[in-house]
């Protein structure tokens, strides 16, 4: 498991090779095994393989353009009405499980942030609305992020762990 965690890195260029259905299923299963507050499991994942829809999603903002060339884009969402306080943490846990499983399978993936500010105002909500409209996501569902997924074009280069000076024991 630690090998997969260390191998995970953001991949933004992909080959045309499709992602095998059994690999996609393993990634989705890993996501759905994530911890969740009170076992509410508020997450929803939209799997996008259609070329036109991936191209539309790539237009959500400048850092999402590579989604057009990845064979799969996953939209990680959550029902914030069912889990108003912890939906972000729950959806992030599912998303990270998916990223680690993708790395374990030798696939590349990249987290593309979408979520707007809480409270229904401020920057980012237009990104959520853009994705919501592109994929027919109901209005009460929040859009956390997109994940591009595919076979890396080239060799990914994971980064080493960060310095341990950010770890504190017992107190700051």
C-alpha atoms as a PDB file:
ATOM      1  CA  UNK A   1       0.000   0.000   0.000  1.00  0.00           C
ATOM      2  CA  UNK A   2       2.779   2.440   0.873  1.00  0.00           C
ATOM      3  CA  UNK A   3       4.323   1.789  -2.550  1.00  0.00           C
ATOM      4  CA  UNK A   4       1.083   2.864  -4.247  1.00  0.00           C
ATOM      5  CA  UNK A   5       0.911   5.987  -2.078  1.00  0.00           C
ATOM      6  CA  UNK A   6       4.513   6.866  -2.944  1.00  0.00           C
ATOM      7  CA  UNK A   7       3.902   6.230  -6.667  1.00  0.00           C
ATOM      8  CA  UNK A   8       0.837   8.458  -6.834  1.00  0.00           C
ATOM      9  CA  UNK A   9       1.497  11.734  -8.598  1.00  0.00           C
ATOM     10  CA  UNK A  10      -0.448  14.151 -10.764  1.00  0.00           C
ATOM     11  CA  UNK A  11      -0.471  12.968 -14.390  1.00  0.00           C
ATOM     12  CA  UNK A  12      -1.731  15.409 -17.007  1.00  0.00           C
ATOM     13  CA  UNK A  13      -0.819  13.679 -20.295  1.00  0.00           C
ATOM     14  CA  UNK A  14      -2.294  10.387 -21.416  1.00  0.00           C
ATOM     15  CA  UNK A  15      -2.090   7.866 -24.211  1.00  0.00           C
ATOM     16  CA  UNK A  16      -5.155   6.972 -26.282  1.00  0.00           C
ATOM     17  CA  UNK A  17      -5.319   3.521 -24.673  1.00  0.00           C
ATOM     18  CA  UNK A  18      -8.674   3.037 -22.955  1.00  0.00           C
ATOM     19  CA  UNK A  19      -8.910   2.222 -19.270  1.00  0.00           C
ATOM     20  CA  UNK A  20      -9.948  -1.408 -18.805  1.00  0.00           C
ATOM     21  CA  UNK A  21     -13.404  -1.801 -17.286  1.00  0.00           C
ATOM     22  CA  UNK A  22     -12.036  -4.046 -14.511  1.00  0.00           C
ATOM     23  CA  UNK A  23      -9.501  -1.325 -13.582  1.00  0.00           C
ATOM     24  CA  UNK A  24     -12.230   1.307 -13.540  1.00  0.00           C
ATOM     25  CA  UNK A  25     -14.385  -0.933 -11.339  1.00  0.00           C
ATOM     26  CA  UNK A  26     -11.462  -1.467  -8.929  1.00  0.00           C
ATOM     27  CA  UNK A  27     -10.931   2.311  -8.703  1.00  0.00           C
ATOM     28  CA  UNK A  28     -14.619   2.931  -8.037  1.00  0.00           C
ATOM     29  CA  UNK A  29     -14.711   0.169  -5.418  1.00  0.00           C
ATOM     30  CA  UNK A  30     -11.662   1.672  -3.677  1.00  0.00           C
ATOM     31  CA  UNK A  31     -13.404   5.053  -3.623  1.00  0.00           C
ATOM     32  CA  UNK A  32     -16.538   3.548  -2.121  1.00  0.00           C
ATOM     33  CA  UNK A  33     -14.505   1.881   0.659  1.00  0.00           C
ATOM     34  CA  UNK A  34     -13.503   5.285   2.047  1.00  0.00           C
ATOM     35  CA  UNK A  35     -14.309   6.274   5.609  1.00  0.00           C
ATOM     36  CA  UNK A  36     -17.319   8.500   6.068  1.00  0.00           C
ATOM     37  CA  UNK A  37     -18.736  10.387   9.038  1.00  0.00           C
ATOM     38  CA  UNK A  38     -21.549   8.418  10.680  1.00  0.00           C
ATOM     39  CA  UNK A  39     -21.439   6.022   7.690  1.00  0.00           C
ATOM     40  CA  UNK A  40     -23.644   8.449   5.740  1.00  0.00           C
ATOM     41  CA  UNK A  41     -21.758   7.889   2.454  1.00  0.00           C
ATOM     42  CA  UNK A  42     -22.976  11.079   0.783  1.00  0.00           C
ATOM     43  CA  UNK A  43     -20.758  10.710  -2.273  1.00  0.00           C
ATOM     44  CA  UNK A  44     -21.762  10.280  -5.895  1.00  0.00           C
ATOM     45  CA  UNK A  45     -19.320   9.650  -8.749  1.00  0.00           C
ATOM     46  CA  UNK A  46     -20.135  10.419 -12.381  1.00  0.00           C
ATOM     47  CA  UNK A  47     -17.997   8.378 -14.796  1.00  0.00           C
ATOM     48  CA  UNK A  48     -17.445  10.251 -18.066  1.00  0.00           C
ATOM     49  CA  UNK A  49     -15.955   8.508 -21.109  1.00  0.00           C
ATOM     50  CA  UNK A  50     -17.829  10.361 -23.860  1.00  0.00           C
ATOM     51  CA  UNK A  51     -15.380  12.484 -25.878  1.00  0.00           C
ATOM     52  CA  UNK A  52     -17.699  15.463 -26.237  1.00  0.00           C
ATOM     53  CA  UNK A  53     -18.533  15.547 -22.523  1.00  0.00           C
ATOM     54  CA  UNK A  54     -14.843  15.285 -21.566  1.00  0.00           C
ATOM     55  CA  UNK A  55     -14.097  18.200 -23.903  1.00  0.00           C
ATOM     56  CA  UNK A  56     -16.881  20.197 -22.264  1.00  0.00           C
ATOM     57  CA  UNK A  57     -15.513  19.433 -18.781  1.00  0.00           C
ATOM     58  CA  UNK A  58     -12.034  20.498 -19.932  1.00  0.00           C
ATOM     59  CA  UNK A  59     -13.480  23.986 -20.438  1.00  0.00           C
ATOM     60  CA  UNK A  60     -14.467  24.477 -16.797  1.00  0.00           C
ATOM     61  CA  UNK A  61     -11.195  26.349 -16.090  1.00  0.00           C
ATOM     62  CA  UNK A  62      -7.649  26.638 -17.402  1.00  0.00           C
ATOM     63  CA  UNK A  63      -6.273  23.883 -15.149  1.00  0.00           C
ATOM     64  CA  UNK A  64      -8.742  21.297 -16.461  1.00  0.00           C
ATOM     65  CA  UNK A  65      -7.831  21.378 -20.155  1.00  0.00           C
ATOM     66  CA  UNK A  66      -6.071  17.988 -20.068  1.00  0.00           C
ATOM     67  CA  UNK A  67      -9.380  16.317 -19.145  1.00  0.00           C
ATOM     68  CA  UNK A  68     -10.222  16.399 -22.855  1.00  0.00           C
ATOM     69  CA  UNK A  69      -7.417  13.947 -23.629  1.00  0.00           C
ATOM     70  CA  UNK A  70      -7.821  11.581 -20.675  1.00  0.00           C
ATOM     71  CA  UNK A  71      -9.915   8.525 -21.566  1.00  0.00           C
ATOM     72  CA  UNK A  72     -11.960   8.844 -18.365  1.00  0.00           C
ATOM     73  CA  UNK A  73     -12.995  11.742 -16.162  1.00  0.00           C
ATOM     74  CA  UNK A  74     -14.569  11.073 -12.773  1.00  0.00           C
ATOM     75  CA  UNK A  75     -16.700  13.793 -11.200  1.00  0.00           C
ATOM     76  CA  UNK A  76     -16.670  13.427  -7.412  1.00  0.00           C
ATOM     77  CA  UNK A  77     -19.814  14.870  -5.867  1.00  0.00           C
ATOM     78  CA  UNK A  78     -21.703  14.655  -2.600  1.00  0.00           C
ATOM     79  CA  UNK A  79     -25.175  15.197  -1.235  1.00  0.00           C
ATOM     80  CA  UNK A  80     -24.554  18.103   1.135  1.00  0.00           C
ATOM     81  CA  UNK A  81     -28.160  17.935   2.370  1.00  0.00           C
ATOM     82  CA  UNK A  82     -27.592  14.408   3.711  1.00  0.00           C
ATOM     83  CA  UNK A  83     -24.190  15.348   5.155  1.00  0.00           C
ATOM     84  CA  UNK A  84     -24.082  19.141   5.574  1.00  0.00           C
ATOM     85  CA  UNK A  85     -21.028  19.304   7.818  1.00  0.00           C
ATOM     86  CA  UNK A  86     -18.725  16.494   6.628  1.00  0.00           C
ATOM     87  CA  UNK A  87     -19.500  16.085   2.913  1.00  0.00           C
ATOM     88  CA  UNK A  88     -16.157  17.607   1.836  1.00  0.00           C
ATOM     89  CA  UNK A  89     -14.106  15.301   4.050  1.00  0.00           C
ATOM     90  CA  UNK A  90     -16.134  12.261   2.986  1.00  0.00           C
ATOM     91  CA  UNK A  91     -15.813  13.031  -0.725  1.00  0.00           C
ATOM     92  CA  UNK A  92     -12.085  13.815  -0.365  1.00  0.00           C
ATOM     93  CA  UNK A  93     -11.483  10.466   1.332  1.00  0.00           C
ATOM     94  CA  UNK A  94     -13.232   8.665  -1.538  1.00  0.00           C
ATOM     95  CA  UNK A  95     -11.297  10.659  -4.116  1.00  0.00           C
ATOM     96  CA  UNK A  96      -7.918   9.947  -2.490  1.00  0.00           C
ATOM     97  CA  UNK A  97      -8.710   6.218  -2.336  1.00  0.00           C
ATOM     98  CA  UNK A  98      -9.426   6.358  -6.074  1.00  0.00           C
ATOM     99  CA  UNK A  99      -6.122   8.132  -6.769  1.00  0.00           C
ATOM    100  CA  UNK A 100      -4.143   5.567  -4.787  1.00  0.00           C
ATOM    101  CA  UNK A 101      -5.864   2.635  -6.495  1.00  0.00           C
ATOM    102  CA  UNK A 102      -5.195   4.198  -9.907  1.00  0.00           C
ATOM    103  CA  UNK A 103      -1.480   4.444  -9.007  1.00  0.00           C
ATOM    104  CA  UNK A 104      -1.471   0.833  -7.785  1.00  0.00           C
ATOM    105  CA  UNK A 105      -2.859  -0.228 -11.174  1.00  0.00           C
ATOM    106  CA  UNK A 106      -0.194   1.736 -13.053  1.00  0.00           C
ATOM    107  CA  UNK A 107      -2.649   4.372 -14.247  1.00  0.00           C
ATOM    108  CA  UNK A 108      -2.225   8.127 -14.127  1.00  0.00           C
ATOM    109  CA  UNK A 109      -4.702  10.520 -12.570  1.00  0.00           C
ATOM    110  CA  UNK A 110      -4.956  14.160 -11.574  1.00  0.00           C
ATOM    111  CA  UNK A 111      -7.231  15.908  -9.071  1.00  0.00           C
ATOM    112  CA  UNK A 112      -8.872  18.995 -10.594  1.00  0.00           C
ATOM    113  CA  UNK A 113     -10.485  21.227  -7.980  1.00  0.00           C
ATOM    114  CA  UNK A 114     -14.015  22.458  -8.698  1.00  0.00           C
ATOM    115  CA  UNK A 115     -15.783  23.140  -5.363  1.00  0.00           C
ATOM    116  CA  UNK A 116     -16.928  26.654  -4.659  1.00  0.00           C
ATOM    117  CA  UNK A 117     -17.064  28.373  -1.297  1.00  0.00           C
ATOM    118  CA  UNK A 118     -19.544  27.295   1.326  1.00  0.00           C
ATOM    119  CA  UNK A 119     -22.692  29.276   1.894  1.00  0.00           C
ATOM    120  CA  UNK A 120     -23.730  29.511  -1.737  1.00  0.00           C
ATOM    121  CA  UNK A 121     -21.673  32.541  -2.695  1.00  0.00           C
ATOM    122  CA  UNK A 122     -18.129  33.527  -3.570  1.00  0.00           C
ATOM    123  CA  UNK A 123     -15.597  32.252  -6.091  1.00  0.00           C
ATOM    124  CA  UNK A 124     -15.925  28.793  -7.550  1.00  0.00           C
ATOM    125  CA  UNK A 125     -19.653  28.286  -7.519  1.00  0.00           C
ATOM    126  CA  UNK A 126     -19.748  29.016 -11.240  1.00  0.00           C
ATOM    127  CA  UNK A 127     -17.373  26.046 -11.728  1.00  0.00           C
ATOM    128  CA  UNK A 128     -19.712  23.766  -9.809  1.00  0.00           C
ATOM    129  CA  UNK A 129     -22.660  25.011 -11.839  1.00  0.00           C
ATOM    130  CA  UNK A 130     -20.730  24.482 -15.089  1.00  0.00           C
ATOM    131  CA  UNK A 131     -20.015  20.833 -14.219  1.00  0.00           C
ATOM    132  CA  UNK A 132     -23.527  20.351 -12.841  1.00  0.00           C
ATOM    133  CA  UNK A 133     -25.055  21.520 -16.141  1.00  0.00           C
ATOM    134  CA  UNK A 134     -22.591  19.563 -18.304  1.00  0.00           C
ATOM    135  CA  UNK A 135     -23.402  16.297 -16.530  1.00  0.00           C
ATOM    136  CA  UNK A 136     -27.038  16.783 -15.493  1.00  0.00           C
ATOM    137  CA  UNK A 137     -26.185  16.741 -11.782  1.00  0.00           C
ATOM    138  CA  UNK A 138     -29.128  17.718  -9.533  1.00  0.00           C
ATOM    139  CA  UNK A 139     -28.985  21.145  -7.898  1.00  0.00           C
ATOM    140  CA  UNK A 140     -28.719  19.851  -4.321  1.00  0.00           C
ATOM    141  CA  UNK A 141     -25.555  17.853  -5.121  1.00  0.00           C
ATOM    142  CA  UNK A 142     -22.216  19.607  -4.581  1.00  0.00           C
ATOM    143  CA  UNK A 143     -19.354  19.051  -7.023  1.00  0.00           C
ATOM    144  CA  UNK A 144     -16.054  18.580  -5.238  1.00  0.00           C
ATOM    145  CA  UNK A 145     -13.624  17.811  -8.053  1.00  0.00           C
ATOM    146  CA  UNK A 146     -12.889  16.126 -11.336  1.00  0.00           C
ATOM    147  CA  UNK A 147     -10.284  13.390 -11.702  1.00  0.00           C
ATOM    148  CA  UNK A 148      -8.684  12.758 -15.081  1.00  0.00           C
ATOM    149  CA  UNK A 149      -7.741   9.099 -15.511  1.00  0.00           C
ATOM    150  CA  UNK A 150      -5.786   7.121 -18.078  1.00  0.00           C
ATOM    151  CA  UNK A 151      -2.523   5.511 -19.099  1.00  0.00           C
ATOM    152  CA  UNK A 152       0.319   8.006 -18.618  1.00  0.00           C
ATOM    153  CA  UNK A 153       2.098   9.290 -21.724  1.00  0.00           C
ATOM    154  CA  UNK A 154       5.654   9.065 -20.491  1.00  0.00           C
ATOM    155  CA  UNK A 155       6.968   8.158 -17.106  1.00  0.00           C
ATOM    156  CA  UNK A 156       5.365   9.849 -14.102  1.00  0.00           C
ATOM    157  CA  UNK A 157       7.843  11.191 -11.580  1.00  0.00           C
ATOM    158  CA  UNK A 158       6.479  11.041  -8.050  1.00  0.00           C
ATOM    159  CA  UNK A 159       7.832  13.524  -5.572  1.00  0.00           C
ATOM    160  CA  UNK A 160       9.573  12.422  -2.367  1.00  0.00           C
ATOM    161  CA  UNK A 161       7.800  12.884   0.954  1.00  0.00           C
ATOM    162  CA  UNK A 162       7.894  16.390   2.354  1.00  0.00           C
ATOM    163  CA  UNK A 163      10.139  17.381   5.257  1.00  0.00           C
ATOM    164  CA  UNK A 164       9.195  16.068   8.684  1.00  0.00           C
ATOM    165  CA  UNK A 165       9.440  19.523  10.280  1.00  0.00           C
ATOM    166  CA  UNK A 166       5.674  19.889   9.858  1.00  0.00           C
ATOM    167  CA  UNK A 167       5.041  16.963  12.240  1.00  0.00           C
ATOM    168  CA  UNK A 168       4.489  17.910  15.886  1.00  0.00           C
ATOM    169  CA  UNK A 169       4.182  15.481  18.771  1.00  0.00           C
ATOM    170  CA  UNK A 170       1.973  16.068  21.803  1.00  0.00           C
ATOM    171  CA  UNK A 171       1.801  19.820  21.126  1.00  0.00           C
ATOM    172  CA  UNK A 172       3.018  22.437  18.659  1.00  0.00           C
END
